[in-house]
Amino acid sequence: MQHVNKAGQSKLLKACTLPLTGLRCVKKIVTELAVLDVLPEGGFKLLETAPGVTVEDVRQATEGKLIVEGVIPEMQI
């Protein structure tokens, strides 16, 4: 999916603003910027970045809580 909408706003939010069709059914998100786990307690854990994308790029594009632990590898494409 795209990490941000056409207006440049994050799609990875602190809280959902749309009606929910399923609660806690998404466990992993893959965008053009990164691979992230969806944490049960809320927020996103950064697992990998896309080639040429920095952790700071992902941080700036993510509204919700972003957990970054250790060295984040680059995706192998």
C-alpha atoms as a PDB file:
ATOM      1  CA  MET A   1       0.000   0.000   0.000  1.00  0.00           C
ATOM      2  CA  GLN A   2       1.009   3.642  -0.170  1.00  0.00           C
ATOM      3  CA  HIS A   3       2.398   4.983   3.131  1.00  0.00           C
ATOM      4  CA  VAL A   4       0.779   8.417   2.630  1.00  0.00           C
ATOM      5  CA  ASN A   5      -2.337   9.642   0.812  1.00  0.00           C
ATOM      6  CA  LYS A   6      -2.420  11.961  -2.234  1.00  0.00           C
ATOM      7  CA  ALA A   7      -2.226  14.995   0.086  1.00  0.00           C
ATOM      8  CA  GLY A   8       0.946  13.623   1.695  1.00  0.00           C
ATOM      9  CA  GLN A   9      -0.779  12.684   4.973  1.00  0.00           C
ATOM     10  CA  SER A  10       0.127   9.456   6.734  1.00  0.00           C
ATOM     11  CA  LYS A  11      -2.146   6.447   6.351  1.00  0.00           C
ATOM     12  CA  LEU A  12      -0.555   4.916   9.470  1.00  0.00           C
ATOM     13  CA  LEU A  13      -2.510   6.762  12.124  1.00  0.00           C
ATOM     14  CA  LYS A  14      -2.625   6.935  15.924  1.00  0.00           C
ATOM     15  CA  ALA A  15      -6.293   5.903  15.771  1.00  0.00           C
ATOM     16  CA  CYS A  16      -8.612   4.859  12.961  1.00  0.00           C
ATOM     17  CA  THR A  17     -10.969   7.610  11.802  1.00  0.00           C
ATOM     18  CA  LEU A  18     -13.101   5.416   9.515  1.00  0.00           C
ATOM     19  CA  PRO A  19     -15.693   2.773  10.463  1.00  0.00           C
ATOM     20  CA  LEU A  20     -13.965  -0.504  11.330  1.00  0.00           C
ATOM     21  CA  THR A  21     -14.785  -3.664   9.384  1.00  0.00           C
ATOM     22  CA  GLY A  22     -12.372  -5.806  11.392  1.00  0.00           C
ATOM     23  CA  LEU A  23     -10.660  -5.186  14.706  1.00  0.00           C
ATOM     24  CA  ARG A  24      -7.002  -6.193  15.162  1.00  0.00           C
ATOM     25  CA  CYS A  25      -6.960  -8.340  12.015  1.00  0.00           C
ATOM     26  CA  VAL A  26      -3.915  -6.685  10.401  1.00  0.00           C
ATOM     27  CA  LYS A  27      -0.568  -7.864  11.755  1.00  0.00           C
ATOM     28  CA  LYS A  28       1.900  -6.642   9.106  1.00  0.00           C
ATOM     29  CA  ILE A  29       1.944  -3.678   6.721  1.00  0.00           C
ATOM     30  CA  VAL A  30       4.103  -3.385   3.607  1.00  0.00           C
ATOM     31  CA  THR A  31       4.345   0.039   1.953  1.00  0.00           C
ATOM     32  CA  GLU A  32       6.628   1.583  -0.655  1.00  0.00           C
ATOM     33  CA  LEU A  33       8.725   2.885   2.278  1.00  0.00           C
ATOM     34  CA  ALA A  34       8.873   0.063   4.792  1.00  0.00           C
ATOM     35  CA  VAL A  35       7.734  -3.211   6.307  1.00  0.00           C
ATOM     36  CA  LEU A  36       6.109  -2.807   9.729  1.00  0.00           C
ATOM     37  CA  ASP A  37       4.481  -5.029  12.341  1.00  0.00           C
ATOM     38  CA  VAL A  38       1.220  -3.779  13.841  1.00  0.00           C
ATOM     39  CA  LEU A  39       1.609  -4.050  17.611  1.00  0.00           C
ATOM     40  CA  PRO A  40      -1.304  -5.335  19.736  1.00  0.00           C
ATOM     41  CA  GLU A  41      -0.813  -2.479  22.221  1.00  0.00           C
ATOM     42  CA  GLY A  42      -0.905   0.080  19.411  1.00  0.00           C
ATOM     43  CA  GLY A  43       1.753   1.492  17.154  1.00  0.00           C
ATOM     44  CA  PHE A  44       4.029   0.089  14.504  1.00  0.00           C
ATOM     45  CA  LYS A  45       7.397  -1.677  14.780  1.00  0.00           C
ATOM     46  CA  LEU A  46       9.733  -0.903  11.893  1.00  0.00           C
ATOM     47  CA  LEU A  47      11.225  -4.114  10.463  1.00  0.00           C
ATOM     48  CA  GLU A  48      12.793  -3.023   7.150  1.00  0.00           C
ATOM     49  CA  THR A  49      13.113   0.046   4.966  1.00  0.00           C
ATOM     50  CA  ALA A  50      12.859   0.157   1.185  1.00  0.00           C
ATOM     51  CA  PRO A  51      16.062   0.750  -0.803  1.00  0.00           C
ATOM     52  CA  GLY A  52      17.144   4.378  -0.477  1.00  0.00           C
ATOM     53  CA  VAL A  53      14.654   5.103   2.341  1.00  0.00           C
ATOM     54  CA  THR A  54      15.968   6.156   5.753  1.00  0.00           C
ATOM     55  CA  VAL A  55      14.451   5.497   9.159  1.00  0.00           C
ATOM     56  CA  GLU A  56      13.879   9.259   9.386  1.00  0.00           C
ATOM     57  CA  ASP A  57      11.892   9.169   6.105  1.00  0.00           C
ATOM     58  CA  VAL A  58       9.613   6.507   7.610  1.00  0.00           C
ATOM     59  CA  ARG A  59       9.347   8.441  10.883  1.00  0.00           C
ATOM     60  CA  GLN A  60       8.223  11.584   9.043  1.00  0.00           C
ATOM     61  CA  ALA A  61       5.638   9.651   7.006  1.00  0.00           C
ATOM     62  CA  THR A  62       4.121   7.834  10.021  1.00  0.00           C
ATOM     63  CA  GLU A  63       1.616   9.593  12.284  1.00  0.00           C
ATOM     64  CA  GLY A  64       1.152   6.670  14.677  1.00  0.00           C
ATOM     65  CA  LYS A  65       3.685   5.547  17.275  1.00  0.00           C
ATOM     66  CA  LEU A  66       6.731   4.118  15.497  1.00  0.00           C
ATOM     67  CA  ILE A  67       9.015   1.703  17.366  1.00  0.00           C
ATOM     68  CA  VAL A  68      12.572   1.483  16.047  1.00  0.00           C
ATOM     69  CA  GLU A  69      14.835  -1.059  17.738  1.00  0.00           C
ATOM     70  CA  GLY A  70      18.434  -1.651  16.745  1.00  0.00           C
ATOM     71  CA  VAL A  71      19.759  -1.443  13.206  1.00  0.00           C
ATOM     72  CA  ILE A  72      16.970  -1.565  10.611  1.00  0.00           C
ATOM     73  CA  PRO A  73      17.925  -3.534   7.480  1.00  0.00           C
ATOM     74  CA  GLU A  74      17.089  -2.538   3.933  1.00  0.00           C
ATOM     75  CA  MET A  75      14.601  -4.723   2.011  1.00  0.00           C
ATOM     76  CA  GLN A  76      16.132  -7.206  -0.391  1.00  0.00           C
ATOM     77  CA  ILE A  77      14.306  -6.770  -3.696  1.00  0.00           C
END
